[in-house]
PDB file of all heavy atoms in Angstrom:
ATOM      1  N   HIS A   1     -10.341  -2.538  -6.245  1.00  0.00           N
ATOM      2  CA  HIS A   1     -11.414  -3.458  -5.823  1.00  0.00           C
ATOM      3  C   HIS A   1     -11.811  -4.391  -6.966  1.00  0.00           C
ATOM      4  O   HIS A   1     -12.023  -5.591  -6.754  1.00  0.00           O
ATOM      5  CB  HIS A   1     -12.627  -2.646  -5.352  1.00  0.00           C
ATOM      6  CG  HIS A   1     -13.835  -3.476  -5.065  1.00  0.00           C
ATOM      7  ND1 HIS A   1     -13.900  -4.373  -4.008  1.00  0.00           N
ATOM      8  CD2 HIS A   1     -15.044  -3.578  -5.711  1.00  0.00           C
ATOM      9  CE1 HIS A   1     -15.085  -4.969  -3.996  1.00  0.00           C
ATOM     10  NE2 HIS A   1     -15.784  -4.515  -5.019  1.00  0.00           N
ATOM     11  N   GLN A   2     -11.918  -3.847  -8.185  1.00  0.00           N
ATOM     12  CA  GLN A   2     -12.354  -4.644  -9.325  1.00  0.00           C
ATOM     13  C   GLN A   2     -11.306  -5.678  -9.752  1.00  0.00           C
ATOM     14  O   GLN A   2     -11.637  -6.754 -10.235  1.00  0.00           O
ATOM     15  CB  GLN A   2     -12.679  -3.722 -10.511  1.00  0.00           C
ATOM     16  CG  GLN A   2     -13.848  -2.785 -10.259  1.00  0.00           C
ATOM     17  CD  GLN A   2     -15.156  -3.518 -10.036  1.00  0.00           C
ATOM     18  OE1 GLN A   2     -15.403  -4.571 -10.620  1.00  0.00           O
ATOM     19  NE2 GLN A   2     -16.013  -2.980  -9.178  1.00  0.00           N
ATOM     20  N   SER A   3     -10.035  -5.338  -9.583  1.00  0.00           N
ATOM     21  CA  SER A   3      -8.965  -6.239 -10.032  1.00  0.00           C
ATOM     22  C   SER A   3      -8.305  -6.986  -8.871  1.00  0.00           C
ATOM     23  O   SER A   3      -7.252  -7.607  -9.050  1.00  0.00           O
ATOM     24  CB  SER A   3      -7.905  -5.428 -10.791  1.00  0.00           C
ATOM     25  OG  SER A   3      -7.394  -4.380  -9.988  1.00  0.00           O
ATOM     26  N   PHE A   4      -8.931  -6.943  -7.708  1.00  0.00           N
ATOM     27  CA  PHE A   4      -8.335  -7.452  -6.468  1.00  0.00           C
ATOM     28  C   PHE A   4      -7.811  -8.889  -6.597  1.00  0.00           C
ATOM     29  O   PHE A   4      -6.653  -9.171  -6.286  1.00  0.00           O
ATOM     30  CB  PHE A   4      -9.374  -7.364  -5.344  1.00  0.00           C
ATOM     31  CG  PHE A   4      -8.870  -7.792  -3.997  1.00  0.00           C
ATOM     32  CD1 PHE A   4      -8.191  -6.904  -3.179  1.00  0.00           C
ATOM     33  CD2 PHE A   4      -9.068  -9.082  -3.532  1.00  0.00           C
ATOM     34  CE1 PHE A   4      -7.719  -7.286  -1.924  1.00  0.00           C
ATOM     35  CE2 PHE A   4      -8.599  -9.482  -2.289  1.00  0.00           C
ATOM     36  CZ  PHE A   4      -7.923  -8.578  -1.484  1.00  0.00           C
ATOM     37  N   ASN A   5      -8.643  -9.803  -7.067  1.00  0.00           N
ATOM     38  CA  ASN A   5      -8.254 -11.221  -7.099  1.00  0.00           C
ATOM     39  C   ASN A   5      -7.116 -11.487  -8.080  1.00  0.00           C
ATOM     40  O   ASN A   5      -6.152 -12.196  -7.752  1.00  0.00           O
ATOM     41  CB  ASN A   5      -9.462 -12.096  -7.443  1.00  0.00           C
ATOM     42  CG  ASN A   5     -10.492 -12.132  -6.335  1.00  0.00           C
ATOM     43  OD1 ASN A   5     -10.153 -12.006  -5.158  1.00  0.00           O
ATOM     44  ND2 ASN A   5     -11.760 -12.284  -6.691  1.00  0.00           N
ATOM     45  N   LEU A   6      -7.218 -10.930  -9.280  1.00  0.00           N
ATOM     46  CA  LEU A   6      -6.172 -11.135 -10.280  1.00  0.00           C
ATOM     47  C   LEU A   6      -4.854 -10.525  -9.830  1.00  0.00           C
ATOM     48  O   LEU A   6      -3.794 -11.162  -9.910  1.00  0.00           O
ATOM     49  CB  LEU A   6      -6.602 -10.541 -11.619  1.00  0.00           C
ATOM     50  CG  LEU A   6      -5.565 -10.605 -12.746  1.00  0.00           C
ATOM     51  CD1 LEU A   6      -5.121 -12.033 -13.015  1.00  0.00           C
ATOM     52  CD2 LEU A   6      -6.108  -9.961 -14.007  1.00  0.00           C
ATOM     53  N   VAL A   7      -4.911  -9.287  -9.328  1.00  0.00           N
ATOM     54  CA  VAL A   7      -3.693  -8.604  -8.897  1.00  0.00           C
ATOM     55  C   VAL A   7      -3.041  -9.346  -7.735  1.00  0.00           C
ATOM     56  O   VAL A   7      -1.816  -9.512  -7.693  1.00  0.00           O
ATOM     57  CB  VAL A   7      -3.994  -7.136  -8.525  1.00  0.00           C
ATOM     58  CG1 VAL A   7      -2.802  -6.492  -7.817  1.00  0.00           C
ATOM     59  CG2 VAL A   7      -4.352  -6.345  -9.769  1.00  0.00           C
ATOM     60  N   ASN A   8      -3.834  -9.825  -6.797  1.00  0.00           N
ATOM     61  CA  ASN A   8      -3.265 -10.573  -5.678  1.00  0.00           C
ATOM     62  C   ASN A   8      -2.569 -11.852  -6.136  1.00  0.00           C
ATOM     63  O   ASN A   8      -1.516 -12.226  -5.622  1.00  0.00           O
ATOM     64  CB  ASN A   8      -4.345 -10.916  -4.652  1.00  0.00           C
ATOM     65  CG  ASN A   8      -4.287  -9.994  -3.446  1.00  0.00           C
ATOM     66  OD1 ASN A   8      -3.482  -9.074  -3.394  1.00  0.00           O
ATOM     67  ND2 ASN A   8      -5.134 -10.242  -2.470  1.00  0.00           N
ATOM     68  N   THR A   9      -3.163 -12.534  -7.114  1.00  0.00           N
ATOM     69  CA  THR A   9      -2.545 -13.753  -7.637  1.00  0.00           C
ATOM     70  C   THR A   9      -1.210 -13.441  -8.298  1.00  0.00           C
ATOM     71  O   THR A   9      -0.213 -14.149  -8.105  1.00  0.00           O
ATOM     72  CB  THR A   9      -3.488 -14.438  -8.638  1.00  0.00           C
ATOM     73  OG1 THR A   9      -4.726 -14.746  -7.988  1.00  0.00           O
ATOM     74  CG2 THR A   9      -2.871 -15.736  -9.155  1.00  0.00           C
ATOM     75  N   VAL A  10      -1.175 -12.359  -9.084  1.00  0.00           N
ATOM     76  CA  VAL A  10       0.075 -11.961  -9.727  1.00  0.00           C
ATOM     77  C   VAL A  10       1.108 -11.546  -8.687  1.00  0.00           C
ATOM     78  O   VAL A  10       2.276 -11.925  -8.767  1.00  0.00           O
ATOM     79  CB  VAL A  10      -0.171 -10.828 -10.740  1.00  0.00           C
ATOM     80  CG1 VAL A  10       1.156 -10.332 -11.318  1.00  0.00           C
ATOM     81  CG2 VAL A  10      -1.085 -11.303 -11.862  1.00  0.00           C
ATOM     82  N   LEU A  11       0.689 -10.766  -7.696  1.00  0.00           N
ATOM     83  CA  LEU A  11       1.614 -10.332  -6.647  1.00  0.00           C
ATOM     84  C   LEU A  11       2.296 -11.526  -5.973  1.00  0.00           C
ATOM     85  O   LEU A  11       3.508 -11.531  -5.773  1.00  0.00           O
ATOM     86  CB  LEU A  11       0.874  -9.496  -5.596  1.00  0.00           C
ATOM     87  CG  LEU A  11       0.537  -8.057  -5.981  1.00  0.00           C
ATOM     88  CD1 LEU A  11      -0.414  -7.435  -4.956  1.00  0.00           C
ATOM     89  CD2 LEU A  11       1.796  -7.202  -6.100  1.00  0.00           C
ATOM     90  N   GLU A  12       1.512 -12.514  -5.636  1.00  0.00           N
ATOM     91  CA  GLU A  12       2.093 -13.695  -4.986  1.00  0.00           C
ATOM     92  C   GLU A  12       3.018 -14.455  -5.933  1.00  0.00           C
ATOM     93  O   GLU A  12       4.052 -14.980  -5.513  1.00  0.00           O
ATOM     94  CB  GLU A  12       0.977 -14.602  -4.484  1.00  0.00           C
ATOM     95  CG  GLU A  12       0.199 -14.011  -3.311  1.00  0.00           C
ATOM     96  CD  GLU A  12      -0.820 -14.974  -2.750  1.00  0.00           C
ATOM     97  OE1 GLU A  12      -1.936 -15.042  -3.312  1.00  0.00           O
ATOM     98  OE2 GLU A  12      -0.506 -15.651  -1.761  1.00  0.00           O
ATOM     99  N   SER A  13       2.666 -14.496  -7.220  1.00  0.00           N
ATOM    100  CA  SER A  13       3.470 -15.241  -8.192  1.00  0.00           C
ATOM    101  C   SER A  13       4.824 -14.583  -8.447  1.00  0.00           C
ATOM    102  O   SER A  13       5.787 -15.263  -8.795  1.00  0.00           O
ATOM    103  CB  SER A  13       2.718 -15.366  -9.520  1.00  0.00           C
ATOM    104  OG  SER A  13       1.537 -16.123  -9.353  1.00  0.00           O
ATOM    105  N   VAL A  14       4.898 -13.251  -8.279  1.00  0.00           N
ATOM    106  CA  VAL A  14       6.166 -12.546  -8.519  1.00  0.00           C
ATOM    107  C   VAL A  14       6.894 -12.263  -7.200  1.00  0.00           C
ATOM    108  O   VAL A  14       7.750 -11.398  -7.119  1.00  0.00           O
ATOM    109  CB  VAL A  14       5.947 -11.233  -9.310  1.00  0.00           C
ATOM    110  CG1 VAL A  14       5.318 -11.519 -10.658  1.00  0.00           C
ATOM    111  CG2 VAL A  14       5.110 -10.225  -8.518  1.00  0.00           C
ATOM    112  N   LYS A  15       6.531 -13.027  -6.160  1.00  0.00           N
ATOM    113  CA  LYS A  15       7.175 -12.955  -4.842  1.00  0.00           C
ATOM    114  C   LYS A  15       6.910 -11.641  -4.123  1.00  0.00           C
ATOM    115  O   LYS A  15       7.745 -11.141  -3.370  1.00  0.00           O
ATOM    116  CB  LYS A  15       8.685 -13.200  -4.967  1.00  0.00           C
ATOM    117  CG  LYS A  15       9.035 -14.542  -5.583  1.00  0.00           C
ATOM    118  CD  LYS A  15      10.539 -14.725  -5.720  1.00  0.00           C
ATOM    119  CE  LYS A  15      10.871 -16.052  -6.402  1.00  0.00           C
ATOM    120  NZ  LYS A  15      12.326 -16.231  -6.603  1.00  0.00           N
ATOM    121  N   GLY A  16       5.725 -11.088  -4.380  1.00  0.00           N
ATOM    122  CA  GLY A  16       5.309  -9.892  -3.668  1.00  0.00           C
ATOM    123  C   GLY A  16       4.374 -10.244  -2.525  1.00  0.00           C
ATOM    124  O   GLY A  16       4.107 -11.413  -2.256  1.00  0.00           O
ATOM    125  N   ASP A  17       3.884  -9.217  -1.849  1.00  0.00           N
ATOM    126  CA  ASP A  17       2.925  -9.401  -0.759  1.00  0.00           C
ATOM    127  C   ASP A  17       1.521  -9.146  -1.284  1.00  0.00           C
ATOM    128  O   ASP A  17       1.273  -8.104  -1.904  1.00  0.00           O
ATOM    129  CB  ASP A  17       3.204  -8.407   0.382  1.00  0.00           C
ATOM    130  CG  ASP A  17       4.595  -8.589   0.980  1.00  0.00           C
ATOM    131  OD1 ASP A  17       5.042  -9.741   1.082  1.00  0.00           O
ATOM    132  OD2 ASP A  17       5.218  -7.563   1.339  1.00  0.00           O
ATOM    133  N   PRO A  18       0.579 -10.076  -1.055  1.00  0.00           N
ATOM    134  CA  PRO A  18      -0.794  -9.834  -1.501  1.00  0.00           C
ATOM    135  C   PRO A  18      -1.427  -8.677  -0.736  1.00  0.00           C
ATOM    136  O   PRO A  18      -1.019  -8.366   0.384  1.00  0.00           O
ATOM    137  CB  PRO A  18      -1.506 -11.154  -1.186  1.00  0.00           C
ATOM    138  CG  PRO A  18      -0.700 -11.758  -0.078  1.00  0.00           C
ATOM    139  CD  PRO A  18       0.722 -11.358  -0.332  1.00  0.00           C
ATOM    140  N   ILE A  19      -2.399  -8.031  -1.366  1.00  0.00           N
ATOM    141  CA  ILE A  19      -3.161  -6.994  -0.679  1.00  0.00           C
ATOM    142  C   ILE A  19      -3.957  -7.661   0.429  1.00  0.00           C
ATOM    143  O   ILE A  19      -4.627  -8.674   0.205  1.00  0.00           O
ATOM    144  CB  ILE A  19      -4.123  -6.285  -1.654  1.00  0.00           C
ATOM    145  CG1 ILE A  19      -3.361  -5.746  -2.865  1.00  0.00           C
ATOM    146  CG2 ILE A  19      -4.859  -5.151  -0.948  1.00  0.00           C
ATOM    147  CD1 ILE A  19      -2.277  -4.772  -2.537  1.00  0.00           C
ATOM    148  N   ASN A  20      -3.886  -7.093   1.609  1.00  0.00           N
ATOM    149  CA  ASN A  20      -4.511  -7.713   2.772  1.00  0.00           C
ATOM    150  C   ASN A  20      -6.030  -7.713   2.679  1.00  0.00           C
ATOM    151  O   ASN A  20      -6.633  -6.724   2.256  1.00  0.00           O
ATOM    152  CB  ASN A  20      -4.075  -6.987   4.046  1.00  0.00           C
ATOM    153  CG  ASN A  20      -3.538  -7.949   5.083  1.00  0.00           C
ATOM    154  OD1 ASN A  20      -4.206  -8.899   5.439  1.00  0.00           O
ATOM    155  ND2 ASN A  20      -2.320  -7.701   5.542  1.00  0.00           N
ATOM    156  N   SER A  21      -6.628  -8.806   3.070  1.00  0.00           N
ATOM    157  CA  SER A  21      -8.091  -8.901   3.067  1.00  0.00           C
ATOM    158  C   SER A  21      -8.655  -9.078   4.471  1.00  0.00           C
ATOM    159  O   SER A  21      -9.867  -9.180   4.642  1.00  0.00           O
ATOM    160  CB  SER A  21      -8.541 -10.071   2.180  1.00  0.00           C
ATOM    161  OG  SER A  21      -8.002 -11.298   2.652  1.00  0.00           O
ATOM    162  N   ASN A  22      -7.789  -9.123   5.464  1.00  0.00           N
ATOM    163  CA  ASN A  22      -8.239  -9.346   6.842  1.00  0.00           C
ATOM    164  C   ASN A  22      -8.211  -8.061   7.652  1.00  0.00           C
ATOM    165  O   ASN A  22      -7.207  -7.345   7.662  1.00  0.00           O
ATOM    166  CB  ASN A  22      -7.334 -10.387   7.528  1.00  0.00           C
ATOM    167  CG  ASN A  22      -7.394 -11.735   6.845  1.00  0.00           C
ATOM    168  OD1 ASN A  22      -8.464 -12.199   6.449  1.00  0.00           O
ATOM    169  ND2 ASN A  22      -6.241 -12.375   6.682  1.00  0.00           N
ATOM    170  N   SER A  23      -9.319  -7.777   8.329  1.00  0.00           N
ATOM    171  CA  SER A  23      -9.403  -6.593   9.175  1.00  0.00           C
ATOM    172  C   SER A  23      -8.533  -6.790  10.425  1.00  0.00           C
ATOM    173  O   SER A  23      -8.458  -7.909  10.959  1.00  0.00           O
ATOM    174  CB  SER A  23     -10.861  -6.360   9.590  1.00  0.00           C
ATOM    175  OG  SER A  23     -10.991  -5.164  10.291  1.00  0.00           O
ATOM    176  N   PRO A  24      -7.860  -5.724  10.907  1.00  0.00           N
ATOM    177  CA  PRO A  24      -7.877  -4.329  10.441  1.00  0.00           C
ATOM    178  C   PRO A  24      -6.858  -4.037   9.345  1.00  0.00           C
ATOM    179  O   PRO A  24      -6.763  -2.908   8.868  1.00  0.00           O
ATOM    180  CB  PRO A  24      -7.508  -3.568  11.714  1.00  0.00           C
ATOM    181  CG  PRO A  24      -6.524  -4.471  12.398  1.00  0.00           C
ATOM    182  CD  PRO A  24      -7.032  -5.877  12.144  1.00  0.00           C
ATOM    183  N   TYR A  25      -6.088  -5.049   8.916  1.00  0.00           N
ATOM    184  CA  TYR A  25      -4.997  -4.785   7.980  1.00  0.00           C
ATOM    185  C   TYR A  25      -5.465  -4.554   6.552  1.00  0.00           C
ATOM    186  O   TYR A  25      -4.674  -4.189   5.684  1.00  0.00           O
ATOM    187  CB  TYR A  25      -3.984  -5.936   8.032  1.00  0.00           C
ATOM    188  CG  TYR A  25      -3.431  -6.148   9.420  1.00  0.00           C
ATOM    189  CD1 TYR A  25      -3.882  -7.206  10.215  1.00  0.00           C
ATOM    190  CD2 TYR A  25      -2.500  -5.276   9.960  1.00  0.00           C
ATOM    191  CE1 TYR A  25      -3.398  -7.388  11.501  1.00  0.00           C
ATOM    192  CE2 TYR A  25      -2.015  -5.451  11.247  1.00  0.00           C
ATOM    193  CZ  TYR A  25      -2.458  -6.504  12.009  1.00  0.00           C
ATOM    194  OH  TYR A  25      -1.994  -6.676  13.285  1.00  0.00           O
ATOM    195  N   CYS A  26      -6.750  -4.774   6.283  1.00  0.00           N
ATOM    196  CA  CYS A  26      -7.285  -4.537   4.949  1.00  0.00           C
ATOM    197  C   CYS A  26      -7.538  -3.049   4.693  1.00  0.00           C
ATOM    198  O   CYS A  26      -7.868  -2.664   3.568  1.00  0.00           O
ATOM    199  CB  CYS A  26      -8.578  -5.317   4.741  1.00  0.00           C
ATOM    200  SG  CYS A  26      -9.914  -4.848   5.856  1.00  0.00           S
ATOM    201  N   TRP A  27      -7.400  -2.214   5.731  1.00  0.00           N
ATOM    202  CA  TRP A  27      -7.625  -0.775   5.573  1.00  0.00           C
ATOM    203  C   TRP A  27      -6.307  -0.084   5.228  1.00  0.00           C
ATOM    204  O   TRP A  27      -5.341  -0.158   5.979  1.00  0.00           O
ATOM    205  CB  TRP A  27      -8.226  -0.184   6.841  1.00  0.00           C
ATOM    206  CG  TRP A  27      -9.596  -0.713   7.108  1.00  0.00           C
ATOM    207  CD1 TRP A  27      -9.945  -1.710   7.958  1.00  0.00           C
ATOM    208  CD2 TRP A  27     -10.805  -0.275   6.483  1.00  0.00           C
ATOM    209  NE1 TRP A  27     -11.298  -1.931   7.908  1.00  0.00           N
ATOM    210  CE2 TRP A  27     -11.860  -1.067   7.016  1.00  0.00           C
ATOM    211  CE3 TRP A  27     -11.121   0.708   5.539  1.00  0.00           C
ATOM    212  CZ2 TRP A  27     -13.180  -0.903   6.639  1.00  0.00           C
ATOM    213  CZ3 TRP A  27     -12.433   0.871   5.156  1.00  0.00           C
ATOM    214  CH2 TRP A  27     -13.451   0.077   5.696  1.00  0.00           C
ATOM    215  N   TYR A  28      -6.291   0.595   4.084  1.00  0.00           N
ATOM    216  CA  TYR A  28      -5.081   1.242   3.576  1.00  0.00           C
ATOM    217  C   TYR A  28      -5.252   2.767   3.567  1.00  0.00           C
ATOM    218  O   TYR A  28      -6.299   3.285   3.158  1.00  0.00           O
ATOM    219  CB  TYR A  28      -4.783   0.764   2.152  1.00  0.00           C
ATOM    220  CG  TYR A  28      -4.244  -0.636   2.106  1.00  0.00           C
ATOM    221  CD1 TYR A  28      -5.097  -1.731   2.153  1.00  0.00           C
ATOM    222  CD2 TYR A  28      -2.863  -0.879   2.032  1.00  0.00           C
ATOM    223  CE1 TYR A  28      -4.604  -3.035   2.128  1.00  0.00           C
ATOM    224  CE2 TYR A  28      -2.359  -2.176   2.001  1.00  0.00           C
ATOM    225  CZ  TYR A  28      -3.232  -3.238   2.053  1.00  0.00           C
ATOM    226  OH  TYR A  28      -2.746  -4.531   2.024  1.00  0.00           O
ATOM    227  N   TRP A  29      -4.192   3.444   3.990  1.00  0.00           N
ATOM    228  CA  TRP A  29      -4.211   4.903   3.931  1.00  0.00           C
ATOM    229  C   TRP A  29      -4.298   5.378   2.488  1.00  0.00           C
ATOM    230  O   TRP A  29      -3.652   4.830   1.587  1.00  0.00           O
ATOM    231  CB  TRP A  29      -2.940   5.492   4.539  1.00  0.00           C
ATOM    232  CG  TRP A  29      -2.913   5.569   6.034  1.00  0.00           C
ATOM    233  CD1 TRP A  29      -2.040   4.921   6.875  1.00  0.00           C
ATOM    234  CD2 TRP A  29      -3.773   6.344   6.876  1.00  0.00           C
ATOM    235  NE1 TRP A  29      -2.312   5.237   8.188  1.00  0.00           N
ATOM    236  CE2 TRP A  29      -3.372   6.113   8.220  1.00  0.00           C
ATOM    237  CE3 TRP A  29      -4.848   7.196   6.645  1.00  0.00           C
ATOM    238  CZ2 TRP A  29      -3.996   6.711   9.312  1.00  0.00           C
ATOM    239  CZ3 TRP A  29      -5.476   7.791   7.725  1.00  0.00           C
ATOM    240  CH2 TRP A  29      -5.064   7.556   9.038  1.00  0.00           C
ATOM    241  N   THR A  30      -5.108   6.412   2.267  1.00  0.00           N
ATOM    242  CA  THR A  30      -5.083   7.175   1.020  1.00  0.00           C
ATOM    243  C   THR A  30      -4.472   8.539   1.346  1.00  0.00           C
ATOM    244  O   THR A  30      -4.272   8.883   2.512  1.00  0.00           O
ATOM    245  CB  THR A  30      -6.490   7.378   0.429  1.00  0.00           C
ATOM    246  OG1 THR A  30      -7.183   8.394   1.191  1.00  0.00           O
ATOM    247  CG2 THR A  30      -7.289   6.080   0.446  1.00  0.00           C
ATOM    248  N   SER A  31      -4.191   9.320   0.316  1.00  0.00           N
ATOM    249  CA  SER A  31      -3.662  10.663   0.546  1.00  0.00           C
ATOM    250  C   SER A  31      -4.759  11.716   0.563  1.00  0.00           C
ATOM    251  O   SER A  31      -4.480  12.914   0.593  1.00  0.00           O
ATOM    252  CB  SER A  31      -2.633  11.012  -0.533  1.00  0.00           C
ATOM    253  OG  SER A  31      -3.231  10.976  -1.821  1.00  0.00           O
ATOM    254  N   THR A  32      -6.011  11.280   0.538  1.00  0.00           N
ATOM    255  CA  THR A  32      -7.143  12.203   0.552  1.00  0.00           C
ATOM    256  C   THR A  32      -7.498  12.567   1.987  1.00  0.00           C
ATOM    257  O   THR A  32      -7.891  11.698   2.772  1.00  0.00           O
ATOM    258  CB  THR A  32      -8.363  11.580  -0.150  1.00  0.00           C
ATOM    259  OG1 THR A  32      -7.988  11.168  -1.473  1.00  0.00           O
ATOM    260  CG2 THR A  32      -9.516  12.576  -0.236  1.00  0.00           C
ATOM    261  N   GLU A  33      -7.330  13.837   2.319  1.00  0.00           N
ATOM    262  CA  GLU A  33      -7.616  14.314   3.674  1.00  0.00           C
ATOM    263  C   GLU A  33      -9.101  14.618   3.854  1.00  0.00           C
ATOM    264  O   GLU A  33      -9.844  14.826   2.881  1.00  0.00           O
ATOM    265  CB  GLU A  33      -6.815  15.573   3.974  1.00  0.00           C
ATOM    266  CG  GLU A  33      -5.367  15.347   4.319  1.00  0.00           C
ATOM    267  CD  GLU A  33      -4.704  16.594   4.856  1.00  0.00           C
ATOM    268  OE1 GLU A  33      -4.509  17.547   4.065  1.00  0.00           O
ATOM    269  OE2 GLU A  33      -4.375  16.618   6.053  1.00  0.00           O
ATOM    270  N   ILE A  34      -9.503  14.654   5.094  1.00  0.00           N
ATOM    271  CA  ILE A  34     -10.848  15.116   5.445  1.00  0.00           C
ATOM    272  C   ILE A  34     -10.742  16.447   6.178  1.00  0.00           C
ATOM    273  O   ILE A  34     -11.400  17.424   5.850  1.00  0.00           O
ATOM    274  CB  ILE A  34     -11.579  14.076   6.317  1.00  0.00           C
ATOM    275  CG1 ILE A  34     -11.705  12.754   5.546  1.00  0.00           C
ATOM    276  CG2 ILE A  34     -12.958  14.594   6.742  1.00  0.00           C
ATOM    277  CD1 ILE A  34     -12.238  11.612   6.377  1.00  0.00           C
ATOM    278  N   ASN A  35      -9.884  16.476   7.179  1.00  0.00           N
ATOM    279  CA  ASN A  35      -9.624  17.683   7.958  1.00  0.00           C
ATOM    280  C   ASN A  35      -8.296  17.483   8.701  1.00  0.00           C
ATOM    281  O   ASN A  35      -7.561  16.540   8.407  1.00  0.00           O
ATOM    282  CB  ASN A  35     -10.777  17.974   8.930  1.00  0.00           C
ATOM    283  CG  ASN A  35     -11.159  16.747   9.753  1.00  0.00           C
ATOM    284  OD1 ASN A  35     -10.287  16.018  10.244  1.00  0.00           O
ATOM    285  ND2 ASN A  35     -12.455  16.494   9.891  1.00  0.00           N
ATOM    286  N   ALA A  36      -8.018  18.336   9.674  1.00  0.00           N
ATOM    287  CA  ALA A  36      -6.751  18.239  10.415  1.00  0.00           C
ATOM    288  C   ALA A  36      -6.641  16.935  11.200  1.00  0.00           C
ATOM    289  O   ALA A  36      -5.541  16.424  11.417  1.00  0.00           O
ATOM    290  CB  ALA A  36      -6.600  19.432  11.347  1.00  0.00           C
ATOM    291  N   LEU A  37      -7.760  16.389  11.608  1.00  0.00           N
ATOM    292  CA  LEU A  37      -7.752  15.181  12.432  1.00  0.00           C
ATOM    293  C   LEU A  37      -7.777  13.894  11.618  1.00  0.00           C
ATOM    294  O   LEU A  37      -7.118  12.916  11.968  1.00  0.00           O
ATOM    295  CB  LEU A  37      -8.954  15.195  13.382  1.00  0.00           C
ATOM    296  CG  LEU A  37      -9.114  13.980  14.315  1.00  0.00           C
ATOM    297  CD1 LEU A  37      -7.920  13.866  15.262  1.00  0.00           C
ATOM    298  CD2 LEU A  37     -10.430  14.055  15.080  1.00  0.00           C
TER     299      LEU A  37
END
């Protein structure tokens, strides 16, 4: 979150995909579980 703008600029400059900022695609899975569901 803190480095979002700089990292996105670098990603685009090196022909990568920027981190999405538009809902619902701005939501990224983490590996932290809550429960079975």
